[in-house]
Amino acid sequence: MAFRGFTDETFAFYEGLLADNTKSYWTAHKDAYERYVREPLAELCAELEDEFGPAKLFRPYRDVRFAADKTPYKTHQGAHSRRGLYVQIDADGLMVAGGLYAPEPDQLRRYRAAVDADSTGKELEALVEALRASGMEIAGDRLKTRPRGTRADHPRLDLLRHRSLYAREGWPADPWMATHEAVERVRASWRRLLPLARWSEEHIGPPGFAR
């Protein structure tokens, strides 16, 4: 089915959930979630599948077993492709991202080894600078100092501090999100993010990956 758009009802659903994150609100508005949030996001991902591969929508329920915050529902709906590309809708609008989000220890070791090596490290440095120059934000969890054993004058120390690394950009809620322009904006952003995702695929791989 073609993308039907994110409408005022999409953002109203999440504004309500932010005010009342309870099972009673969710139950009363579950049909609105399905119709105005989950279904249009699935349609958007389906329109991008030929170019970027299938994307999986995340569950809307929070894992609260070890969390201080016991609110039961996520206040956004995200979808993640196998290429490391991400799209999210929430009360504020639409957001896209790509890169390395929550690496396992073996992935983090491979990331740091790739950044340390001149050829692959300089390649990543160029990719990150190009994304930053295009207006994307470079984000991720970072060490305050530096990884153990890393010299203080390493030319890519800033990248080595990252424990996760991704680029993102977003747009505030706007009427164009109810049109096919939303698909085309996500497509254009994912194309810019794809080289970073490919770098991660090639040099980091999935957990347990043995080169």
Protein backbone atom coordinates (compact mmCIF):
# COMPACT_ATOMS: atom_id res chain seq x y z
CA MET A 1 0.00 0.00 0.00
CA ALA A 2 1.27 3.50 -0.83
CA PHE A 3 2.37 5.81 1.95
CA ARG A 4 -0.63 7.69 3.37
CA GLY A 5 1.33 10.18 5.44
CA PHE A 6 1.77 11.30 9.03
CA THR A 7 -1.12 13.58 9.94
CA ASP A 8 -2.20 15.78 12.82
CA GLU A 9 -3.62 12.62 14.41
CA THR A 10 -0.13 11.07 14.44
CA PHE A 11 1.34 13.88 16.50
CA ALA A 12 -1.78 14.25 18.66
CA PHE A 13 -1.47 10.58 19.64
CA TYR A 14 2.07 11.10 20.95
CA GLU A 15 1.23 14.40 22.63
CA GLY A 16 -1.47 12.53 24.52
CA LEU A 17 0.89 9.69 25.39
CA LEU A 18 3.47 12.14 26.73
CA ALA A 19 0.78 13.54 29.04
CA ASP A 20 -0.66 10.17 30.06
CA ASN A 21 1.71 7.23 29.58
CA THR A 22 -0.61 4.62 31.02
CA LYS A 23 -2.28 1.41 29.93
CA SER A 24 -5.69 3.10 30.05
CA TYR A 25 -4.59 5.78 27.55
CA TRP A 26 -2.96 3.18 25.30
CA THR A 27 -6.01 0.92 25.31
CA ALA A 28 -8.33 3.82 24.53
CA HIS A 29 -6.12 5.04 21.66
CA LYS A 30 -4.63 1.83 20.29
CA ASP A 31 -6.63 2.10 17.07
CA ALA A 32 -5.20 5.60 16.52
CA TYR A 33 -1.67 4.23 17.08
CA GLU A 34 -2.20 1.51 14.49
CA ARG A 35 -3.84 3.77 11.91
CA TYR A 36 -1.84 6.97 12.24
CA VAL A 37 1.55 5.78 13.49
CA ARG A 38 2.45 2.16 12.85
CA GLU A 39 0.72 1.68 9.48
CA PRO A 40 2.09 4.82 7.77
CA LEU A 41 5.60 4.11 9.08
CA ALA A 42 5.39 0.58 7.71
CA GLU A 43 4.20 2.00 4.38
CA LEU A 44 7.09 4.47 4.29
CA CYS A 45 9.60 1.66 4.90
CA ALA A 46 7.95 -0.49 2.23
CA GLU A 47 8.43 2.28 -0.34
CA LEU A 48 12.15 2.39 0.52
CA GLU A 49 12.69 -1.37 0.60
CA ASP A 50 13.78 -1.80 -3.02
CA GLU A 51 16.71 0.57 -2.46
CA PHE A 52 17.65 -0.04 1.17
CA GLY A 53 16.27 -3.46 2.03
CA PRO A 54 13.56 -4.34 4.53
CA ALA A 55 13.16 -2.44 7.77
CA LYS A 56 11.85 -3.76 11.06
CA LEU A 57 9.50 -1.71 13.21
CA PHE A 58 10.33 -1.73 16.90
CA ARG A 59 7.79 -2.76 19.50
CA PRO A 60 6.06 0.17 21.23
CA TYR A 61 6.53 -1.29 24.71
CA ARG A 62 9.39 -0.27 26.98
CA ASP A 63 11.53 -2.83 28.82
CA VAL A 64 11.10 -1.58 32.37
CA ARG A 65 12.57 -4.55 34.24
CA PHE A 66 15.73 -2.70 35.28
CA ALA A 67 14.65 0.89 34.60
CA ALA A 68 13.90 3.55 37.18
CA ASP A 69 11.32 4.98 34.76
CA LYS A 70 8.41 2.53 34.77
CA THR A 71 6.26 4.22 32.12
CA PRO A 72 5.15 1.33 29.91
CA TYR A 73 5.20 2.80 26.38
CA LYS A 74 7.82 4.37 24.15
CA THR A 75 7.01 7.94 23.18
CA HIS A 76 8.23 7.37 19.62
CA GLN A 77 7.94 4.73 16.91
CA GLY A 78 11.13 3.72 15.16
CA ALA A 79 12.14 1.38 12.35
CA HIS A 80 15.61 0.04 11.63
CA SER A 81 16.96 -1.42 8.40
CA ARG A 82 19.56 -4.17 8.18
CA ARG A 83 21.92 -1.59 6.70
CA GLY A 84 22.03 0.37 9.96
CA LEU A 85 19.59 3.05 8.80
CA TYR A 86 16.89 4.36 11.13
CA VAL A 87 13.70 6.43 10.92
CA GLN A 88 11.53 7.65 13.79
CA ILE A 89 8.26 9.50 14.29
CA ASP A 90 7.19 11.16 17.55
CA ALA A 91 5.37 14.21 18.87
CA ASP A 92 8.17 16.51 17.69
CA GLY A 93 8.28 15.30 14.08
CA LEU A 94 10.38 13.00 11.91
CA MET A 95 13.99 11.92 12.43
CA VAL A 96 16.48 9.78 10.51
CA ALA A 97 19.85 8.37 11.55
CA GLY A 98 22.50 5.89 10.54
CA GLY A 99 25.63 4.33 11.96
CA LEU A 100 26.70 2.30 14.98
CA TYR A 101 24.16 2.52 17.82
CA ALA A 102 24.77 0.06 20.66
CA PRO A 103 27.77 -2.10 19.80
CA GLU A 104 28.56 -5.32 21.60
CA PRO A 105 32.08 -5.50 23.12
CA ASP A 106 33.48 -7.39 20.11
CA GLN A 107 32.01 -4.81 17.74
CA LEU A 108 33.49 -1.95 19.76
CA ARG A 109 36.91 -3.61 19.60
CA ARG A 110 36.66 -3.88 15.80
CA TYR A 111 35.46 -0.28 15.57
CA ARG A 112 38.46 1.02 17.50
CA ALA A 113 40.87 -1.13 15.50
CA ALA A 114 39.41 0.22 12.26
CA VAL A 115 39.61 3.83 13.48
CA ASP A 116 43.19 3.30 14.65
CA ALA A 117 44.33 1.98 11.25
CA ASP A 118 45.26 4.81 8.89
CA SER A 119 43.41 3.59 5.80
CA THR A 120 40.07 2.73 7.40
CA GLY A 121 40.32 5.45 10.05
CA LYS A 122 40.91 8.21 7.53
CA GLU A 123 38.03 6.86 5.45
CA LEU A 124 35.67 7.12 8.43
CA GLU A 125 36.99 10.57 9.28
CA ALA A 126 36.17 11.76 5.76
CA LEU A 127 32.68 10.23 5.91
CA VAL A 128 31.93 11.89 9.23
CA GLU A 129 33.16 15.28 8.06
CA ALA A 130 31.08 15.05 4.87
CA LEU A 131 27.95 14.27 6.89
CA ARG A 132 28.67 17.11 9.30
CA ALA A 133 29.21 19.51 6.40
CA SER A 134 25.87 18.45 4.92
CA GLY A 135 24.11 19.60 8.09
CA MET A 136 23.79 16.32 9.96
CA GLU A 137 24.56 16.04 13.65
CA ILE A 138 27.26 13.57 14.66
CA ALA A 139 26.20 11.87 17.87
CA GLY A 140 26.89 8.90 20.10
CA ASP A 141 28.07 7.90 23.56
CA ARG A 142 31.65 9.04 24.21
CA LEU A 143 34.38 8.49 26.76
CA LYS A 144 35.42 11.61 28.66
CA THR A 145 39.08 10.72 28.35
CA ARG A 146 40.44 8.13 25.88
CA PRO A 147 40.46 4.34 25.48
CA ARG A 148 43.11 2.55 27.52
CA GLY A 149 46.37 2.32 25.62
CA THR A 150 45.54 5.13 23.19
CA ARG A 151 48.12 7.89 22.95
CA ALA A 152 47.01 11.42 23.73
CA ASP A 153 48.12 12.76 20.34
CA HIS A 154 46.32 10.17 18.22
CA PRO A 155 45.10 11.97 15.05
CA ARG A 156 41.62 10.43 15.38
CA LEU A 157 41.29 10.57 19.15
CA ASP A 158 37.84 12.16 18.92
CA LEU A 159 36.52 9.20 16.92
CA LEU A 160 38.26 6.69 19.22
CA ARG A 161 36.41 8.16 22.21
CA HIS A 162 33.09 7.11 20.71
CA ARG A 163 31.40 4.04 22.18
CA SER A 164 28.66 4.53 19.61
CA LEU A 165 28.73 6.71 16.52
CA TYR A 166 25.89 7.80 14.28
CA ALA A 167 24.71 10.77 12.24
CA ARG A 168 21.18 12.11 12.39
CA GLU A 169 18.87 14.87 11.27
CA GLY A 170 15.24 15.69 11.90
CA TRP A 171 12.36 17.94 10.98
CA PRO A 172 9.65 19.40 13.24
CA ALA A 173 6.07 18.29 12.67
CA ASP A 174 4.83 19.90 9.47
CA PRO A 175 1.99 19.41 6.94
CA TRP A 176 4.39 18.04 4.29
CA MET A 177 4.76 14.92 6.44
CA ALA A 178 1.25 13.96 5.36
CA THR A 179 2.46 13.80 1.75
CA HIS A 180 4.89 11.70 -0.27
CA GLU A 181 7.55 14.33 0.43
CA ALA A 182 8.20 12.50 3.71
CA VAL A 183 9.28 9.40 1.78
CA GLU A 184 11.55 11.41 -0.49
CA ARG A 185 13.20 13.27 2.39
CA VAL A 186 13.93 10.04 4.23
CA ARG A 187 15.20 8.51 0.98
CA ALA A 188 17.58 11.43 0.37
CA SER A 189 18.88 11.32 3.94
CA TRP A 190 19.36 7.56 3.89
CA ARG A 191 21.36 7.90 0.67
CA ARG A 192 23.69 10.33 2.41
CA LEU A 193 23.95 8.03 5.43
CA LEU A 194 24.51 4.86 3.43
CA PRO A 195 28.32 5.24 3.07
CA LEU A 196 28.62 5.37 6.88
CA ALA A 197 26.41 2.30 7.18
CA ARG A 198 28.52 0.49 4.57
CA TRP A 199 31.72 1.37 6.44
CA SER A 200 30.22 -0.17 9.58
CA GLU A 201 29.11 -3.28 7.69
CA GLU A 202 32.54 -3.80 6.18
CA HIS A 203 34.77 -3.04 9.14
CA ILE A 204 32.65 -3.89 12.17
CA GLY A 205 30.01 -6.41 11.17
CA PRO A 206 27.42 -8.00 13.45
CA PRO A 207 28.13 -9.29 17.01
CA GLY A 208 30.38 -12.33 16.98
CA PHE A 209 31.59 -11.55 13.48
CA ALA A 210 35.03 -13.06 12.76
CA ARG A 211 37.10 -11.45 10.03
